[in-house]
Amino acid sequence: MKKIALIFNRYYLGEGQAYVKNRLTECLSKKNIQIIEDNFFASSGEEDFLEQIEAVIFWNKDVVLARHFENNGIKVFNCSKAIELCDCKIKTYQHITSFNIPLISTIFAPLSFTKQSKPDKDFLDFVESKLGFPLIAKLSVSSLGKGVFLLEDRQQLDDFFVEHSLYAHMYQKCIKPVGTDYRVYTIGAKAVVAVERKNEKSFISNIELGGVARIVDLDEELIELSQKIATALKLDYGAIDFLKDSSGKYYFLEANSNAYFRAVEGLGVNIAEPLVEYICKKIMI
């Protein structure tokens, strides 16, 4: 019997991840694949990969562990490079720059080794002059809509900088209307479905924060952009998010290597089965 390991973060398994785990387990079991959920840890100089695992479905952001599987000759979905690029918003944007993708005007904060006690006037003058207000501030590493802030004026910008200067972060132009984005799910770098996520009470559209999803037409522009981005980021599976301004122009927002799919499956679109089918074909099961 073939063996595939399912890896989730050992310190977090919310409802969204629990749903993914159950659906993947169900689909793998139908194909008579043995699911391995043993404790795996990254180490050096230890023989800890004795099980003959065909592949790993890696619903985690632990790049060190993902790369450890790869270093031991085991295929990982998504690969460690894709996870690394998607998990850091700064790395994502810098990597995408050369692929002719419409990007939101973005400024990356200078590296600081200590928390600053006062605003960096020269830098924040530059941010204000280029982006105006309101603007969006983001921590480079964050999930589930957390670490994203709408700053209305210079005082809020100054306060944000002082509070978060120790952490990698970025500032972006505010694309209006706020509270709505468009997520395209991809499998094998092919667009599967597009979902509009709208939150009437917040500028953040995430389902976990009150957003409501509905299926929308997967138009040619969304197909082309999402597939180009998924290919550039080496995503076997992912969700590519876009904003659309009042003129109808799409802008790349971010990419997710571990996107939940409970909401979209709840709308009648099967994600788990074609994903498992794709993985099995890749490893010739």
C-alpha atoms as a PDB file:
ATOM      1  CA  MET A   1       0.000   0.000   0.000  1.00  0.00           C
ATOM      2  CA  LYS A   2       1.274   3.464  -0.927  1.00  0.00           C
ATOM      3  CA  LYS A   3       1.931   5.903   1.913  1.00  0.00           C
ATOM      4  CA  ILE A   4       1.408   9.670   1.985  1.00  0.00           C
ATOM      5  CA  ALA A   5       2.088  11.821   5.032  1.00  0.00           C
ATOM      6  CA  LEU A   6      -0.311  14.587   6.020  1.00  0.00           C
ATOM      7  CA  ILE A   7       1.498  17.363   7.872  1.00  0.00           C
ATOM      8  CA  PHE A   8      -0.280  20.159   9.732  1.00  0.00           C
ATOM      9  CA  ASN A   9       1.109  22.642  12.213  1.00  0.00           C
ATOM     10  CA  ARG A  10       1.403  20.872  15.554  1.00  0.00           C
ATOM     11  CA  TYR A  11       0.473  24.012  17.508  1.00  0.00           C
ATOM     12  CA  TYR A  12      -2.536  25.125  15.494  1.00  0.00           C
ATOM     13  CA  LEU A  13      -5.477  23.234  14.059  1.00  0.00           C
ATOM     14  CA  GLY A  14      -8.446  25.552  13.763  1.00  0.00           C
ATOM     15  CA  GLU A  15     -11.770  24.674  12.173  1.00  0.00           C
ATOM     16  CA  GLY A  16     -10.530  25.559   8.696  1.00  0.00           C
ATOM     17  CA  GLN A  17      -7.518  23.274   8.925  1.00  0.00           C
ATOM     18  CA  ALA A  18      -9.565  20.516  10.579  1.00  0.00           C
ATOM     19  CA  TYR A  19     -11.916  20.599   7.593  1.00  0.00           C
ATOM     20  CA  VAL A  20      -8.990  20.356   5.145  1.00  0.00           C
ATOM     21  CA  LYS A  21      -7.517  17.455   7.110  1.00  0.00           C
ATOM     22  CA  ASN A  22     -10.799  15.531   7.136  1.00  0.00           C
ATOM     23  CA  ARG A  23     -11.437  16.066   3.426  1.00  0.00           C
ATOM     24  CA  LEU A  24      -7.931  15.078   2.353  1.00  0.00           C
ATOM     25  CA  THR A  25      -8.070  12.001   4.591  1.00  0.00           C
ATOM     26  CA  GLU A  26     -11.405  11.014   3.036  1.00  0.00           C
ATOM     27  CA  CYS A  27     -10.127  11.425  -0.537  1.00  0.00           C
ATOM     28  CA  LEU A  28      -6.824   9.627   0.086  1.00  0.00           C
ATOM     29  CA  SER A  29      -8.611   6.720   1.768  1.00  0.00           C
ATOM     30  CA  LYS A  30     -10.828   6.253  -1.293  1.00  0.00           C
ATOM     31  CA  LYS A  31      -7.665   5.694  -3.347  1.00  0.00           C
ATOM     32  CA  ASN A  32      -6.444   3.025  -0.923  1.00  0.00           C
ATOM     33  CA  ILE A  33      -3.534   5.172   0.234  1.00  0.00           C
ATOM     34  CA  GLN A  34      -2.194   4.753   3.754  1.00  0.00           C
ATOM     35  CA  ILE A  35      -2.088   8.060   5.590  1.00  0.00           C
ATOM     36  CA  ILE A  36       0.895   8.663   7.864  1.00  0.00           C
ATOM     37  CA  GLU A  37       0.401  11.170  10.663  1.00  0.00           C
ATOM     38  CA  ASP A  38       3.415  10.301  12.793  1.00  0.00           C
ATOM     39  CA  ASN A  39       5.493  12.958  14.539  1.00  0.00           C
ATOM     40  CA  PHE A  40       8.174  14.199  12.159  1.00  0.00           C
ATOM     41  CA  PHE A  41      10.866  16.607  13.262  1.00  0.00           C
ATOM     42  CA  ALA A  42      13.674  18.237  11.324  1.00  0.00           C
ATOM     43  CA  SER A  43      17.093  17.217  12.594  1.00  0.00           C
ATOM     44  CA  SER A  44      20.668  16.810  11.474  1.00  0.00           C
ATOM     45  CA  GLY A  45      22.705  13.617  11.701  1.00  0.00           C
ATOM     46  CA  GLU A  46      19.716  11.478  12.704  1.00  0.00           C
ATOM     47  CA  GLU A  47      18.122   8.604  10.745  1.00  0.00           C
ATOM     48  CA  ASP A  48      14.537   9.691  11.261  1.00  0.00           C
ATOM     49  CA  PHE A  49      13.027   9.037   7.834  1.00  0.00           C
ATOM     50  CA  LEU A  50      12.834   5.243   7.806  1.00  0.00           C
ATOM     51  CA  GLU A  51       9.248   5.075   6.558  1.00  0.00           C
ATOM     52  CA  GLN A  52       8.994   4.718   2.782  1.00  0.00           C
ATOM     53  CA  ILE A  53       6.701   7.689   2.228  1.00  0.00           C
ATOM     54  CA  GLU A  54       5.673   8.394  -1.344  1.00  0.00           C
ATOM     55  CA  ALA A  55       4.971  12.070  -0.720  1.00  0.00           C
ATOM     56  CA  VAL A  56       3.950  14.659   1.845  1.00  0.00           C
ATOM     57  CA  ILE A  57       0.897  16.901   1.669  1.00  0.00           C
ATOM     58  CA  PHE A  58       2.234  19.798   3.690  1.00  0.00           C
ATOM     59  CA  TRP A  59      -0.496  22.070   5.131  1.00  0.00           C
ATOM     60  CA  ASN A  60       1.984  23.965   7.232  1.00  0.00           C
ATOM     61  CA  LYS A  61       4.372  26.912   6.925  1.00  0.00           C
ATOM     62  CA  ASP A  62       7.332  25.241   8.620  1.00  0.00           C
ATOM     63  CA  VAL A  63       9.823  25.702   5.772  1.00  0.00           C
ATOM     64  CA  VAL A  64      12.604  23.980   7.744  1.00  0.00           C
ATOM     65  CA  LEU A  65      10.559  20.782   8.096  1.00  0.00           C
ATOM     66  CA  ALA A  66       9.357  20.879   4.469  1.00  0.00           C
ATOM     67  CA  ARG A  67      12.941  21.245   3.232  1.00  0.00           C
ATOM     68  CA  HIS A  68      14.020  18.400   5.521  1.00  0.00           C
ATOM     69  CA  PHE A  69      11.601  16.064   3.739  1.00  0.00           C
ATOM     70  CA  GLU A  70      12.911  17.260   0.388  1.00  0.00           C
ATOM     71  CA  ASN A  71      16.520  16.772   1.472  1.00  0.00           C
ATOM     72  CA  ASN A  72      15.613  13.178   2.243  1.00  0.00           C
ATOM     73  CA  GLY A  73      14.298  12.649  -1.299  1.00  0.00           C
ATOM     74  CA  ILE A  74      10.597  12.942  -0.477  1.00  0.00           C
ATOM     75  CA  LYS A  75       8.257  14.962  -2.711  1.00  0.00           C
ATOM     76  CA  VAL A  76       6.455  17.734  -0.838  1.00  0.00           C
ATOM     77  CA  PHE A  77       3.219  19.489  -1.920  1.00  0.00           C
ATOM     78  CA  ASN A  78       3.642  22.488  -1.790  1.00  0.00           C
ATOM     79  CA  CYS A  79       7.418  22.597  -2.070  1.00  0.00           C
ATOM     80  CA  SER A  80       9.436  24.477   0.534  1.00  0.00           C
ATOM     81  CA  LYS A  81      10.328  27.266  -1.912  1.00  0.00           C
ATOM     82  CA  ALA A  82       6.667  27.979  -2.664  1.00  0.00           C
ATOM     83  CA  ILE A  83       5.834  28.057   1.041  1.00  0.00           C
ATOM     84  CA  GLU A  84       8.762  30.365   1.763  1.00  0.00           C
ATOM     85  CA  LEU A  85       7.789  32.812  -0.986  1.00  0.00           C
ATOM     86  CA  CYS A  86       4.109  32.896  -0.044  1.00  0.00           C
ATOM     87  CA  ASP A  87       4.596  33.125   3.712  1.00  0.00           C
ATOM     88  CA  CYS A  88       6.589  36.369   3.475  1.00  0.00           C
ATOM     89  CA  LYS A  89       4.615  39.125   1.756  1.00  0.00           C
ATOM     90  CA  ILE A  90       7.787  41.076   0.996  1.00  0.00           C
ATOM     91  CA  LYS A  91       9.407  38.063  -0.671  1.00  0.00           C
ATOM     92  CA  THR A  92       6.204  37.399  -2.623  1.00  0.00           C
ATOM     93  CA  TYR A  93       6.069  40.919  -4.027  1.00  0.00           C
ATOM     94  CA  GLN A  94       9.765  41.087  -4.833  1.00  0.00           C
ATOM     95  CA  HIS A  95       9.618  37.727  -6.613  1.00  0.00           C
ATOM     96  CA  ILE A  96       6.518  38.633  -8.634  1.00  0.00           C
ATOM     97  CA  THR A  97       7.907  41.994  -9.802  1.00  0.00           C
ATOM     98  CA  SER A  98       9.610  40.582 -12.909  1.00  0.00           C
ATOM     99  CA  PHE A  99       6.545  38.650 -14.178  1.00  0.00           C
ATOM    100  CA  ASN A 100       4.535  41.554 -15.617  1.00  0.00           C
ATOM    101  CA  ILE A 101       1.797  41.366 -12.983  1.00  0.00           C
ATOM    102  CA  PRO A 102      -0.192  44.487 -11.982  1.00  0.00           C
ATOM    103  CA  LEU A 103       1.026  45.250  -8.466  1.00  0.00           C
ATOM    104  CA  ILE A 104      -0.235  47.605  -5.782  1.00  0.00           C
ATOM    105  CA  SER A 105       2.171  50.502  -5.137  1.00  0.00           C
ATOM    106  CA  THR A 106       4.245  49.189  -2.239  1.00  0.00           C
ATOM    107  CA  ILE A 107       7.026  50.499   0.011  1.00  0.00           C
ATOM    108  CA  PHE A 108       9.068  48.150   2.202  1.00  0.00           C
ATOM    109  CA  ALA A 109      10.123  49.372   5.631  1.00  0.00           C
ATOM    110  CA  PRO A 110      13.875  49.623   6.331  1.00  0.00           C
ATOM    111  CA  LEU A 111      15.405  46.873   8.439  1.00  0.00           C
ATOM    112  CA  SER A 112      15.658  47.736  12.129  1.00  0.00           C
ATOM    113  CA  PHE A 113      17.424  45.618  14.737  1.00  0.00           C
ATOM    114  CA  THR A 114      15.762  47.426  17.632  1.00  0.00           C
ATOM    115  CA  LYS A 115      12.342  48.889  18.252  1.00  0.00           C
ATOM    116  CA  GLN A 116      12.484  52.576  17.369  1.00  0.00           C
ATOM    117  CA  SER A 117      11.446  55.055  20.048  1.00  0.00           C
ATOM    118  CA  LYS A 118      10.264  57.700  17.581  1.00  0.00           C
ATOM    119  CA  PRO A 119       9.036  57.846  13.970  1.00  0.00           C
ATOM    120  CA  ASP A 120      11.554  57.908  11.115  1.00  0.00           C
ATOM    121  CA  LYS A 121      10.500  61.263   9.666  1.00  0.00           C
ATOM    122  CA  ASP A 122      12.371  61.012   6.359  1.00  0.00           C
ATOM    123  CA  PHE A 123      11.091  57.528   5.593  1.00  0.00           C
ATOM    124  CA  LEU A 124       7.516  58.236   6.642  1.00  0.00           C
ATOM    125  CA  ASP A 125       7.494  61.502   4.670  1.00  0.00           C
ATOM    126  CA  PHE A 126       8.417  59.364   1.659  1.00  0.00           C
ATOM    127  CA  VAL A 127       5.619  56.862   2.407  1.00  0.00           C
ATOM    128  CA  GLU A 128       3.046  59.638   2.775  1.00  0.00           C
ATOM    129  CA  SER A 129       4.144  61.418  -0.402  1.00  0.00           C
ATOM    130  CA  LYS A 130       3.987  58.257  -2.522  1.00  0.00           C
ATOM    131  CA  LEU A 131       0.893  56.519  -1.112  1.00  0.00           C
ATOM    132  CA  GLY A 132      -1.247  59.217   0.482  1.00  0.00           C
ATOM    133  CA  PHE A 133      -3.992  58.462   3.018  1.00  0.00           C
ATOM    134  CA  PRO A 134      -5.650  56.212   3.787  1.00  0.00           C
ATOM    135  CA  LEU A 135      -2.978  53.558   3.247  1.00  0.00           C
ATOM    136  CA  ILE A 136      -2.546  49.919   4.182  1.00  0.00           C
ATOM    137  CA  ALA A 137       0.228  48.691   6.495  1.00  0.00           C
ATOM    138  CA  LYS A 138       1.077  44.980   6.638  1.00  0.00           C
ATOM    139  CA  LEU A 139       3.351  42.810   8.699  1.00  0.00           C
ATOM    140  CA  SER A 140       5.346  40.723   6.248  1.00  0.00           C
ATOM    141  CA  VAL A 141       4.510  37.457   8.035  1.00  0.00           C
ATOM    142  CA  SER A 142       0.881  37.095   9.103  1.00  0.00           C
ATOM    143  CA  SER A 143      -2.186  34.986   8.297  1.00  0.00           C
ATOM    144  CA  LEU A 144      -5.974  34.970   8.449  1.00  0.00           C
ATOM    145  CA  GLY A 145      -6.246  38.715   7.857  1.00  0.00           C
ATOM    146  CA  LYS A 146      -4.234  39.515  10.978  1.00  0.00           C
ATOM    147  CA  GLY A 147      -1.308  41.929  10.789  1.00  0.00           C
ATOM    148  CA  VAL A 148      -3.110  44.169   8.263  1.00  0.00           C
ATOM    149  CA  PHE A 149      -3.995  47.752   9.237  1.00  0.00           C
ATOM    150  CA  LEU A 150      -5.837  50.660   7.615  1.00  0.00           C
ATOM    151  CA  LEU A 151      -4.067  53.919   8.507  1.00  0.00           C
ATOM    152  CA  GLU A 152      -6.141  57.062   8.049  1.00  0.00           C
ATOM    153  CA  ASP A 153      -3.619  59.831   8.801  1.00  0.00           C
ATOM    154  CA  ARG A 154      -0.027  60.705   9.658  1.00  0.00           C
ATOM    155  CA  GLN A 155      -0.490  60.222  13.397  1.00  0.00           C
ATOM    156  CA  GLN A 156      -1.666  56.638  12.853  1.00  0.00           C
ATOM    157  CA  LEU A 157       1.252  56.062  10.481  1.00  0.00           C
ATOM    158  CA  ASP A 158       3.767  57.399  13.018  1.00  0.00           C
ATOM    159  CA  ASP A 159       2.242  55.289  15.795  1.00  0.00           C
ATOM    160  CA  PHE A 160       2.225  52.147  13.649  1.00  0.00           C
ATOM    161  CA  PHE A 161       5.876  52.600  12.698  1.00  0.00           C
ATOM    162  CA  VAL A 162       7.024  52.977  16.307  1.00  0.00           C
ATOM    163  CA  GLU A 163       4.985  49.969  17.438  1.00  0.00           C
ATOM    164  CA  HIS A 164       6.104  47.660  14.599  1.00  0.00           C
ATOM    165  CA  SER A 165       9.537  48.971  13.592  1.00  0.00           C
ATOM    166  CA  LEU A 166      11.227  45.827  14.897  1.00  0.00           C
ATOM    167  CA  TYR A 167       9.242  43.629  12.486  1.00  0.00           C
ATOM    168  CA  ALA A 168       9.514  43.354   8.714  1.00  0.00           C
ATOM    169  CA  HIS A 169       6.556  45.228   7.270  1.00  0.00           C
ATOM    170  CA  MET A 170       5.343  47.126   4.230  1.00  0.00           C
ATOM    171  CA  TYR A 171       3.018  49.936   3.214  1.00  0.00           C
ATOM    172  CA  GLN A 172       0.612  49.834   0.267  1.00  0.00           C
ATOM    173  CA  LYS A 173      -1.686  52.206  -1.565  1.00  0.00           C
ATOM    174  CA  CYS A 174      -5.303  51.734  -0.542  1.00  0.00           C
ATOM    175  CA  ILE A 175      -7.269  50.312  -3.477  1.00  0.00           C
ATOM    176  CA  LYS A 176     -10.931  51.286  -3.310  1.00  0.00           C
ATOM    177  CA  PRO A 177     -13.549  50.048  -2.775  1.00  0.00           C
ATOM    178  CA  VAL A 178     -12.251  48.315   0.370  1.00  0.00           C
ATOM    179  CA  GLY A 179     -13.634  45.154   1.930  1.00  0.00           C
ATOM    180  CA  THR A 180     -13.836  43.112  -1.280  1.00  0.00           C
ATOM    181  CA  ASP A 181     -11.291  40.851  -2.925  1.00  0.00           C
ATOM    182  CA  TYR A 182     -11.240  38.067  -5.502  1.00  0.00           C
ATOM    183  CA  ARG A 183      -9.646  34.718  -4.706  1.00  0.00           C
ATOM    184  CA  VAL A 184      -8.706  32.249  -7.438  1.00  0.00           C
ATOM    185  CA  TYR A 185      -7.994  28.669  -6.361  1.00  0.00           C
ATOM    186  CA  THR A 186      -5.359  26.907  -8.454  1.00  0.00           C
ATOM    187  CA  ILE A 187      -4.336  23.249  -8.724  1.00  0.00           C
ATOM    188  CA  GLY A 188      -1.260  22.387 -10.744  1.00  0.00           C
ATOM    189  CA  ALA A 189      -0.986  26.096 -11.602  1.00  0.00           C
ATOM    190  CA  LYS A 190      -4.387  25.894 -13.350  1.00  0.00           C
ATOM    191  CA  ALA A 191      -7.258  28.132 -12.261  1.00  0.00           C
ATOM    192  CA  VAL A 192     -10.156  26.110 -10.833  1.00  0.00           C
ATOM    193  CA  VAL A 193     -12.658  28.628  -9.475  1.00  0.00           C
ATOM    194  CA  ALA A 194     -12.940  32.302  -8.562  1.00  0.00           C
ATOM    195  CA  VAL A 195     -14.632  33.537  -5.400  1.00  0.00           C
ATOM    196  CA  GLU A 196     -15.585  37.066  -4.420  1.00  0.00           C
ATOM    197  CA  ARG A 197     -15.118  37.698  -0.698  1.00  0.00           C
ATOM    198  CA  LYS A 198     -16.923  40.723   0.722  1.00  0.00           C
ATOM    199  CA  ASN A 199     -17.044  42.108   4.237  1.00  0.00           C
ATOM    200  CA  GLU A 200     -19.565  44.870   4.860  1.00  0.00           C
ATOM    201  CA  LYS A 201     -18.147  45.657   8.322  1.00  0.00           C
ATOM    202  CA  SER A 202     -14.391  45.695   7.696  1.00  0.00           C
ATOM    203  CA  PHE A 203     -11.814  46.604   5.065  1.00  0.00           C
ATOM    204  CA  ILE A 204     -10.517  43.015   5.431  1.00  0.00           C
ATOM    205  CA  SER A 205     -12.474  40.466   3.401  1.00  0.00           C
ATOM    206  CA  ASN A 206     -11.285  37.219   5.040  1.00  0.00           C
ATOM    207  CA  ILE A 207     -14.037  34.698   5.766  1.00  0.00           C
ATOM    208  CA  GLU A 208     -12.599  34.133   9.263  1.00  0.00           C
ATOM    209  CA  LEU A 209     -13.154  37.843   9.993  1.00  0.00           C
ATOM    210  CA  GLY A 210     -16.733  38.046   8.777  1.00  0.00           C
ATOM    211  CA  GLY A 211     -16.398  38.045   4.994  1.00  0.00           C
ATOM    212  CA  VAL A 212     -19.028  36.365   2.832  1.00  0.00           C
ATOM    213  CA  ALA A 213     -18.042  34.357  -0.247  1.00  0.00           C
ATOM    214  CA  ARG A 214     -19.796  33.797  -3.556  1.00  0.00           C
ATOM    215  CA  ILE A 215     -18.714  32.161  -6.812  1.00  0.00           C
ATOM    216  CA  VAL A 216     -17.991  34.615  -9.623  1.00  0.00           C
ATOM    217  CA  ASP A 217     -17.088  34.205 -13.276  1.00  0.00           C
ATOM    218  CA  LEU A 218     -13.508  33.119 -13.834  1.00  0.00           C
ATOM    219  CA  ASP A 219     -12.809  35.606 -16.604  1.00  0.00           C
ATOM    220  CA  GLU A 220      -9.837  35.435 -18.964  1.00  0.00           C
ATOM    221  CA  GLU A 221      -7.861  38.085 -17.092  1.00  0.00           C
ATOM    222  CA  LEU A 222      -8.188  36.304 -13.746  1.00  0.00           C
ATOM    223  CA  ILE A 223      -7.235  32.991 -15.372  1.00  0.00           C
ATOM    224  CA  GLU A 224      -4.142  34.459 -17.025  1.00  0.00           C
ATOM    225  CA  LEU A 225      -2.949  36.372 -13.954  1.00  0.00           C
ATOM    226  CA  SER A 226      -3.574  33.615 -11.409  1.00  0.00           C
ATOM    227  CA  GLN A 227      -1.929  30.935 -13.526  1.00  0.00           C
ATOM    228  CA  LYS A 228       1.081  33.131 -14.229  1.00  0.00           C
ATOM    229  CA  ILE A 229       1.476  33.846 -10.497  1.00  0.00           C
ATOM    230  CA  ALA A 230       0.968  30.209  -9.427  1.00  0.00           C
ATOM    231  CA  THR A 231       3.612  29.139 -11.945  1.00  0.00           C
ATOM    232  CA  ALA A 232       6.039  31.847 -10.830  1.00  0.00           C
ATOM    233  CA  LEU A 233       5.637  30.812  -7.197  1.00  0.00           C
ATOM    234  CA  LYS A 234       5.883  27.055  -7.993  1.00  0.00           C
ATOM    235  CA  LEU A 235       2.522  26.362  -6.362  1.00  0.00           C
ATOM    236  CA  ASP A 236       1.039  22.878  -6.735  1.00  0.00           C
ATOM    237  CA  TYR A 237      -1.984  24.184  -4.871  1.00  0.00           C
ATOM    238  CA  GLY A 238      -2.779  27.727  -3.884  1.00  0.00           C
ATOM    239  CA  ALA A 239      -5.164  30.624  -3.688  1.00  0.00           C
ATOM    240  CA  ILE A 240      -4.244  33.858  -5.435  1.00  0.00           C
ATOM    241  CA  ASP A 241      -5.945  37.015  -4.140  1.00  0.00           C
ATOM    242  CA  PHE A 242      -6.674  40.159  -6.148  1.00  0.00           C
ATOM    243  CA  LEU A 243      -8.188  43.573  -5.527  1.00  0.00           C
ATOM    244  CA  LYS A 244     -10.217  45.388  -8.175  1.00  0.00           C
ATOM    245  CA  ASP A 245     -10.438  49.167  -8.320  1.00  0.00           C
ATOM    246  CA  SER A 246     -13.466  51.240  -9.318  1.00  0.00           C
ATOM    247  CA  SER A 247     -12.379  51.130 -12.977  1.00  0.00           C
ATOM    248  CA  GLY A 248     -12.363  47.325 -12.997  1.00  0.00           C
ATOM    249  CA  LYS A 249      -8.574  46.852 -13.012  1.00  0.00           C
ATOM    250  CA  TYR A 250      -7.222  43.864 -11.045  1.00  0.00           C
ATOM    251  CA  TYR A 251      -4.186  44.152  -8.764  1.00  0.00           C
ATOM    252  CA  PHE A 252      -2.293  41.227  -7.256  1.00  0.00           C
ATOM    253  CA  LEU A 253      -2.757  41.216  -3.474  1.00  0.00           C
ATOM    254  CA  GLU A 254      -1.114  38.046  -2.121  1.00  0.00           C
ATOM    255  CA  ALA A 255      -0.724  34.303  -2.618  1.00  0.00           C
ATOM    256  CA  ASN A 256      -1.531  31.531  -0.160  1.00  0.00           C
ATOM    257  CA  SER A 257       0.164  28.139  -0.125  1.00  0.00           C
ATOM    258  CA  ASN A 258      -2.090  26.747   2.646  1.00  0.00           C
ATOM    259  CA  ALA A 259      -5.439  28.295   1.808  1.00  0.00           C
ATOM    260  CA  TYR A 260      -8.500  26.794   3.447  1.00  0.00           C
ATOM    261  CA  PHE A 261     -11.276  25.592   1.164  1.00  0.00           C
ATOM    262  CA  ARG A 262     -14.228  24.898   3.458  1.00  0.00           C
ATOM    263  CA  ALA A 263     -16.049  28.033   2.261  1.00  0.00           C
ATOM    264  CA  VAL A 264     -15.620  27.318  -1.450  1.00  0.00           C
ATOM    265  CA  GLU A 265     -16.580  23.654  -1.068  1.00  0.00           C
ATOM    266  CA  GLY A 266     -19.619  24.872   0.839  1.00  0.00           C
ATOM    267  CA  LEU A 267     -20.554  26.693  -2.368  1.00  0.00           C
ATOM    268  CA  GLY A 268     -20.492  23.421  -4.295  1.00  0.00           C
ATOM    269  CA  VAL A 269     -16.950  23.392  -5.735  1.00  0.00           C
ATOM    270  CA  ASN A 270     -14.901  20.266  -5.028  1.00  0.00           C
ATOM    271  CA  ILE A 271     -11.286  21.166  -4.221  1.00  0.00           C
ATOM    272  CA  ALA A 272     -10.049  18.162  -2.220  1.00  0.00           C
ATOM    273  CA  GLU A 273     -10.659  15.450  -4.843  1.00  0.00           C
ATOM    274  CA  PRO A 274      -8.953  17.145  -7.801  1.00  0.00           C
ATOM    275  CA  LEU A 275      -6.057  18.130  -5.533  1.00  0.00           C
ATOM    276  CA  VAL A 276      -5.531  14.526  -4.395  1.00  0.00           C
ATOM    277  CA  GLU A 277      -5.926  13.368  -7.999  1.00  0.00           C
ATOM    278  CA  TYR A 278      -3.262  15.840  -9.124  1.00  0.00           C
ATOM    279  CA  ILE A 279      -0.833  14.731  -6.397  1.00  0.00           C
ATOM    280  CA  CYS A 280      -1.342  11.055  -7.209  1.00  0.00           C
ATOM    281  CA  LYS A 281      -0.630  11.679 -10.889  1.00  0.00           C
ATOM    282  CA  LYS A 282       2.517  13.622 -10.018  1.00  0.00           C
ATOM    283  CA  ILE A 283       3.885  10.719  -8.004  1.00  0.00           C
ATOM    284  CA  MET A 284       2.444   8.106 -10.389  1.00  0.00           C
ATOM    285  CA  ILE A 285       0.038   6.366  -8.043  1.00  0.00           C
END
